[in-house]
Amino acid sequence: MASKKISISLPASQIRFIEQYQNNKQCKSRSQVIEEALQLLQEKELEAAYHLASQEIDSDWDVTIADGLSDETW
């Protein structure tokens, strides 16, 4: 995957956390730490989207499952 360099500003406490995490988890760079954090954030967002989608009601599905056949037919 191609990478693009960006510049961000963070509070000193978050920089310290990134550096401690990098050392403790033996990450190659601070960029790797940020990449891992963003991946977790993306997964969280995707999970929330799936949860929201599962809450939607599909009236066409209700018609399909109520086709007049009972479980005993199968």
C-alpha atoms as a PDB file:
ATOM      1  CA  MET A   1       0.000   0.000   0.000  1.00  0.00           C
ATOM      2  CA  ALA A   2       1.330   3.386  -0.971  1.00  0.00           C
ATOM      3  CA  SER A   3       1.883   5.788   1.883  1.00  0.00           C
ATOM      4  CA  LYS A   4       1.508   9.537   1.941  1.00  0.00           C
ATOM      5  CA  LYS A   5       3.277  11.715   4.444  1.00  0.00           C
ATOM      6  CA  ILE A   6       1.163  14.116   6.493  1.00  0.00           C
ATOM      7  CA  SER A   7       1.863  16.361   9.435  1.00  0.00           C
ATOM      8  CA  ILE A   8      -0.306  16.387  12.557  1.00  0.00           C
ATOM      9  CA  SER A   9      -0.204  18.260  15.832  1.00  0.00           C
ATOM     10  CA  LEU A  10      -0.902  16.369  19.058  1.00  0.00           C
ATOM     11  CA  PRO A  11      -0.768  17.211  22.749  1.00  0.00           C
ATOM     12  CA  ALA A  12       2.458  16.251  24.513  1.00  0.00           C
ATOM     13  CA  SER A  13       0.636  13.578  26.528  1.00  0.00           C
ATOM     14  CA  GLN A  14      -0.444  11.785  23.352  1.00  0.00           C
ATOM     15  CA  ILE A  15       3.065  11.994  21.906  1.00  0.00           C
ATOM     16  CA  ARG A  16       4.416  10.391  25.097  1.00  0.00           C
ATOM     17  CA  PHE A  17       1.800   7.659  24.836  1.00  0.00           C
ATOM     18  CA  ILE A  18       2.716   6.990  21.200  1.00  0.00           C
ATOM     19  CA  GLU A  19       6.398   6.747  22.063  1.00  0.00           C
ATOM     20  CA  GLN A  20       5.759   4.491  25.084  1.00  0.00           C
ATOM     21  CA  TYR A  21       3.497   2.257  23.014  1.00  0.00           C
ATOM     22  CA  GLN A  22       6.106   2.119  20.263  1.00  0.00           C
ATOM     23  CA  ASN A  23       8.772   1.002  22.722  1.00  0.00           C
ATOM     24  CA  ASN A  24       6.559  -1.443  24.641  1.00  0.00           C
ATOM     25  CA  LYS A  25       5.090  -3.095  21.533  1.00  0.00           C
ATOM     26  CA  GLN A  26       8.310  -2.851  19.537  1.00  0.00           C
ATOM     27  CA  CYS A  27       6.701  -0.966  16.677  1.00  0.00           C
ATOM     28  CA  LYS A  28       9.041   0.127  13.912  1.00  0.00           C
ATOM     29  CA  SER A  29       7.926   3.757  14.027  1.00  0.00           C
ATOM     30  CA  ARG A  30       5.473   6.239  15.458  1.00  0.00           C
ATOM     31  CA  SER A  31       3.691   6.015  12.113  1.00  0.00           C
ATOM     32  CA  GLN A  32       3.039   2.327  12.739  1.00  0.00           C
ATOM     33  CA  VAL A  33       1.458   3.180  16.092  1.00  0.00           C
ATOM     34  CA  ILE A  34      -0.808   5.765  14.445  1.00  0.00           C
ATOM     35  CA  GLU A  35      -1.655   3.289  11.675  1.00  0.00           C
ATOM     36  CA  GLU A  36      -2.691   0.660  14.248  1.00  0.00           C
ATOM     37  CA  ALA A  37      -4.810   3.226  16.095  1.00  0.00           C
ATOM     38  CA  LEU A  38      -6.557   4.299  12.894  1.00  0.00           C
ATOM     39  CA  GLN A  39      -7.211   0.685  11.936  1.00  0.00           C
ATOM     40  CA  LEU A  40      -8.944   0.148  15.282  1.00  0.00           C
ATOM     41  CA  LEU A  41     -10.986   3.301  14.723  1.00  0.00           C
ATOM     42  CA  GLN A  42     -12.008   2.098  11.252  1.00  0.00           C
ATOM     43  CA  GLU A  43     -13.043  -1.287  12.670  1.00  0.00           C
ATOM     44  CA  LYS A  44     -15.102   0.467  15.356  1.00  0.00           C
ATOM     45  CA  GLU A  45     -16.871   2.580  12.731  1.00  0.00           C
ATOM     46  CA  LEU A  46     -17.534  -0.465  10.546  1.00  0.00           C
ATOM     47  CA  GLU A  47     -18.933  -2.368  13.512  1.00  0.00           C
ATOM     48  CA  ALA A  48     -21.232   0.554  14.308  1.00  0.00           C
ATOM     49  CA  ALA A  49     -22.409   0.689  10.680  1.00  0.00           C
ATOM     50  CA  TYR A  50     -23.179  -3.055  10.676  1.00  0.00           C
ATOM     51  CA  HIS A  51     -25.043  -2.695  13.957  1.00  0.00           C
ATOM     52  CA  LEU A  52     -27.093   0.184  12.552  1.00  0.00           C
ATOM     53  CA  ALA A  53     -27.843  -1.743   9.354  1.00  0.00           C
ATOM     54  CA  SER A  54     -28.995  -4.757  11.353  1.00  0.00           C
ATOM     55  CA  GLN A  55     -31.515  -2.530  13.123  1.00  0.00           C
ATOM     56  CA  GLU A  56     -33.237  -1.573   9.882  1.00  0.00           C
ATOM     57  CA  ILE A  57     -36.578  -3.178   9.154  1.00  0.00           C
ATOM     58  CA  ASP A  58     -37.067  -4.632   5.698  1.00  0.00           C
ATOM     59  CA  SER A  59     -40.780  -5.013   4.986  1.00  0.00           C
ATOM     60  CA  ASP A  60     -39.998  -6.975   1.783  1.00  0.00           C
ATOM     61  CA  TRP A  61     -38.309  -9.620   3.928  1.00  0.00           C
ATOM     62  CA  ASP A  62     -41.410  -9.894   6.102  1.00  0.00           C
ATOM     63  CA  VAL A  63     -43.466 -10.638   2.972  1.00  0.00           C
ATOM     64  CA  THR A  64     -40.938 -13.216   1.818  1.00  0.00           C
ATOM     65  CA  ILE A  65     -40.900 -15.154   5.070  1.00  0.00           C
ATOM     66  CA  ALA A  66     -44.689 -15.001   5.329  1.00  0.00           C
ATOM     67  CA  ASP A  67     -45.251 -16.774   2.004  1.00  0.00           C
ATOM     68  CA  GLY A  68     -47.921 -19.055   3.398  1.00  0.00           C
ATOM     69  CA  LEU A  69     -45.715 -22.066   3.943  1.00  0.00           C
ATOM     70  CA  SER A  70     -45.455 -23.382   7.429  1.00  0.00           C
ATOM     71  CA  ASP A  71     -42.367 -24.953   8.934  1.00  0.00           C
ATOM     72  CA  GLU A  72     -44.132 -28.299   8.774  1.00  0.00           C
ATOM     73  CA  THR A  73     -44.065 -28.209   4.962  1.00  0.00           C
ATOM     74  CA  TRP A  74     -40.304 -28.514   4.945  1.00  0.00           C
END
